[in-house]
């Protein structure tokens, strides 16, 4: 399993609604994430809108590609796009991954 960390930027004025939306993630979206290899998936949000995502997966590119084939993902990304600073493209296409430099086993 590979550990993946990525960054996105949520509009500061949309933070509360963004958090509320993630308290009610659609069951079919959760199922799709599970089926496509997203494990131990978490999101962390700083008060200025910095969003840090973490997941574990065998192959992040494959997991993202598999989600891209799901209709529920297209709907979710479309609904979430306005929450992000750059809302012209789907948020999942802009995930800036970070290099892991240390892990305490």
C-alpha atoms as a PDB file:
ATOM      1  CA  UNK A   1       0.000   0.000   0.000  1.00  0.00           C
ATOM      2  CA  UNK A   2       1.265   3.462  -0.868  1.00  0.00           C
ATOM      3  CA  UNK A   3       0.499   6.491   1.283  1.00  0.00           C
ATOM      4  CA  UNK A   4      -0.647   9.511  -0.729  1.00  0.00           C
ATOM      5  CA  UNK A   5      -0.926  13.097   0.469  1.00  0.00           C
ATOM      6  CA  UNK A   6      -2.328  15.861  -1.728  1.00  0.00           C
ATOM      7  CA  UNK A   7      -3.243  19.539  -1.507  1.00  0.00           C
ATOM      8  CA  UNK A   8      -6.146  21.601  -2.795  1.00  0.00           C
ATOM      9  CA  UNK A   9      -7.410  25.102  -1.926  1.00  0.00           C
ATOM     10  CA  UNK A  10     -10.982  25.689  -0.762  1.00  0.00           C
ATOM     11  CA  UNK A  11     -12.408  29.199  -0.981  1.00  0.00           C
ATOM     12  CA  UNK A  12     -12.279  30.621   2.566  1.00  0.00           C
ATOM     13  CA  UNK A  13     -15.852  31.921   2.311  1.00  0.00           C
ATOM     14  CA  UNK A  14     -17.098  28.374   1.529  1.00  0.00           C
ATOM     15  CA  UNK A  15     -15.356  26.479   4.372  1.00  0.00           C
ATOM     16  CA  UNK A  16     -18.394  25.854   6.554  1.00  0.00           C
ATOM     17  CA  UNK A  17     -20.557  24.590   3.709  1.00  0.00           C
ATOM     18  CA  UNK A  18     -17.671  22.434   2.441  1.00  0.00           C
ATOM     19  CA  UNK A  19     -17.381  20.810   5.876  1.00  0.00           C
ATOM     20  CA  UNK A  20     -21.143  20.274   6.035  1.00  0.00           C
ATOM     21  CA  UNK A  21     -21.159  18.589   2.611  1.00  0.00           C
ATOM     22  CA  UNK A  22     -18.535  16.129   3.824  1.00  0.00           C
ATOM     23  CA  UNK A  23     -20.682  15.144   6.789  1.00  0.00           C
ATOM     24  CA  UNK A  24     -23.203  13.877   4.230  1.00  0.00           C
ATOM     25  CA  UNK A  25     -21.145  12.202   1.495  1.00  0.00           C
ATOM     26  CA  UNK A  26     -23.464  10.181  -0.716  1.00  0.00           C
ATOM     27  CA  UNK A  27     -23.419   6.437   0.075  1.00  0.00           C
ATOM     28  CA  UNK A  28     -22.850   5.619  -3.613  1.00  0.00           C
ATOM     29  CA  UNK A  29     -19.788   7.917  -3.622  1.00  0.00           C
ATOM     30  CA  UNK A  30     -18.377   6.183  -0.545  1.00  0.00           C
ATOM     31  CA  UNK A  31     -18.972   2.805  -2.205  1.00  0.00           C
ATOM     32  CA  UNK A  32     -17.257   3.933  -5.414  1.00  0.00           C
ATOM     33  CA  UNK A  33     -14.200   5.132  -3.476  1.00  0.00           C
ATOM     34  CA  UNK A  34     -13.985   1.817  -1.682  1.00  0.00           C
ATOM     35  CA  UNK A  35     -14.416  -0.220  -4.885  1.00  0.00           C
ATOM     36  CA  UNK A  36     -11.755   1.761  -6.761  1.00  0.00           C
ATOM     37  CA  UNK A  37      -9.010   1.338  -4.191  1.00  0.00           C
ATOM     38  CA  UNK A  38      -9.168   4.417  -1.945  1.00  0.00           C
ATOM     39  CA  UNK A  39      -8.436   3.272   1.608  1.00  0.00           C
ATOM     40  CA  UNK A  40      -7.975   5.129   4.893  1.00  0.00           C
ATOM     41  CA  UNK A  41      -9.067   8.304   3.056  1.00  0.00           C
ATOM     42  CA  UNK A  42      -9.092  11.505   5.141  1.00  0.00           C
ATOM     43  CA  UNK A  43      -9.397  15.218   4.474  1.00  0.00           C
ATOM     44  CA  UNK A  44      -7.982  17.945   6.725  1.00  0.00           C
ATOM     45  CA  UNK A  45      -8.920  21.596   6.348  1.00  0.00           C
ATOM     46  CA  UNK A  46      -7.034  24.640   7.602  1.00  0.00           C
ATOM     47  CA  UNK A  47      -8.920  27.870   8.383  1.00  0.00           C
ATOM     48  CA  UNK A  48      -7.427  29.630   5.331  1.00  0.00           C
ATOM     49  CA  UNK A  49      -8.837  26.933   3.025  1.00  0.00           C
ATOM     50  CA  UNK A  50      -5.784  24.720   2.597  1.00  0.00           C
ATOM     51  CA  UNK A  51      -7.150  21.201   2.137  1.00  0.00           C
ATOM     52  CA  UNK A  52      -4.829  18.283   2.832  1.00  0.00           C
ATOM     53  CA  UNK A  53      -5.965  14.878   1.653  1.00  0.00           C
ATOM     54  CA  UNK A  54      -4.522  11.520   2.643  1.00  0.00           C
ATOM     55  CA  UNK A  55      -5.277   8.039   1.381  1.00  0.00           C
ATOM     56  CA  UNK A  56      -3.671   4.664   1.024  1.00  0.00           C
ATOM     57  CA  UNK A  57      -3.854   2.789  -2.258  1.00  0.00           C
ATOM     58  CA  UNK A  58      -1.930   0.303  -4.335  1.00  0.00           C
ATOM     59  CA  UNK A  59      -1.727   2.677  -7.310  1.00  0.00           C
ATOM     60  CA  UNK A  60      -2.945   6.283  -7.018  1.00  0.00           C
ATOM     61  CA  UNK A  61      -3.078   6.891 -10.772  1.00  0.00           C
ATOM     62  CA  UNK A  62      -5.171   3.749 -11.235  1.00  0.00           C
ATOM     63  CA  UNK A  63      -7.455   4.653  -8.312  1.00  0.00           C
ATOM     64  CA  UNK A  64      -8.038   8.130  -9.777  1.00  0.00           C
ATOM     65  CA  UNK A  65      -8.621   6.690 -13.255  1.00  0.00           C
ATOM     66  CA  UNK A  66     -11.110   4.169 -11.907  1.00  0.00           C
ATOM     67  CA  UNK A  67     -13.047   6.902 -10.110  1.00  0.00           C
ATOM     68  CA  UNK A  68     -13.088   8.956 -13.312  1.00  0.00           C
ATOM     69  CA  UNK A  69     -15.196   6.225 -14.933  1.00  0.00           C
ATOM     70  CA  UNK A  70     -17.905   6.457 -12.268  1.00  0.00           C
ATOM     71  CA  UNK A  71     -20.972   8.584 -12.949  1.00  0.00           C
ATOM     72  CA  UNK A  72     -21.318   9.368  -9.238  1.00  0.00           C
ATOM     73  CA  UNK A  73     -17.813  10.854  -9.245  1.00  0.00           C
ATOM     74  CA  UNK A  74     -18.674  13.153 -12.152  1.00  0.00           C
ATOM     75  CA  UNK A  75     -21.729  14.412 -10.231  1.00  0.00           C
ATOM     76  CA  UNK A  76     -19.748  14.850  -6.993  1.00  0.00           C
ATOM     77  CA  UNK A  77     -16.880  16.690  -8.706  1.00  0.00           C
ATOM     78  CA  UNK A  78     -19.348  18.982 -10.478  1.00  0.00           C
ATOM     79  CA  UNK A  79     -21.048  19.855  -7.189  1.00  0.00           C
ATOM     80  CA  UNK A  80     -17.746  20.367  -5.353  1.00  0.00           C
ATOM     81  CA  UNK A  81     -15.961  22.442  -8.019  1.00  0.00           C
ATOM     82  CA  UNK A  82     -17.470  25.800  -6.908  1.00  0.00           C
ATOM     83  CA  UNK A  83     -15.930  25.332  -3.442  1.00  0.00           C
ATOM     84  CA  UNK A  84     -12.384  25.526  -4.820  1.00  0.00           C
ATOM     85  CA  UNK A  85     -10.273  28.529  -5.755  1.00  0.00           C
ATOM     86  CA  UNK A  86      -9.850  27.260  -9.323  1.00  0.00           C
ATOM     87  CA  UNK A  87     -13.355  26.044 -10.128  1.00  0.00           C
ATOM     88  CA  UNK A  88     -12.846  25.695 -13.895  1.00  0.00           C
ATOM     89  CA  UNK A  89     -11.879  22.026 -13.638  1.00  0.00           C
ATOM     90  CA  UNK A  90     -12.879  19.108 -11.440  1.00  0.00           C
ATOM     91  CA  UNK A  91     -11.108  19.157  -8.068  1.00  0.00           C
ATOM     92  CA  UNK A  92      -9.835  15.602  -8.461  1.00  0.00           C
ATOM     93  CA  UNK A  93      -7.903  16.640 -11.568  1.00  0.00           C
ATOM     94  CA  UNK A  94      -5.930  19.257  -9.575  1.00  0.00           C
ATOM     95  CA  UNK A  95      -4.702  17.186  -6.643  1.00  0.00           C
ATOM     96  CA  UNK A  96      -1.101  18.294  -6.068  1.00  0.00           C
ATOM     97  CA  UNK A  97       0.601  15.277  -4.494  1.00  0.00           C
ATOM     98  CA  UNK A  98       3.408  15.632  -1.983  1.00  0.00           C
ATOM     99  CA  UNK A  99       6.543  13.506  -1.812  1.00  0.00           C
ATOM    100  CA  UNK A 100       6.767  11.377   1.309  1.00  0.00           C
ATOM    101  CA  UNK A 101      10.151  11.941   2.945  1.00  0.00           C
ATOM    102  CA  UNK A 102       9.645  10.144   6.255  1.00  0.00           C
ATOM    103  CA  UNK A 103       7.325   7.547   7.750  1.00  0.00           C
ATOM    104  CA  UNK A 104       7.614   6.064  11.221  1.00  0.00           C
ATOM    105  CA  UNK A 105       6.911   2.383  10.834  1.00  0.00           C
END
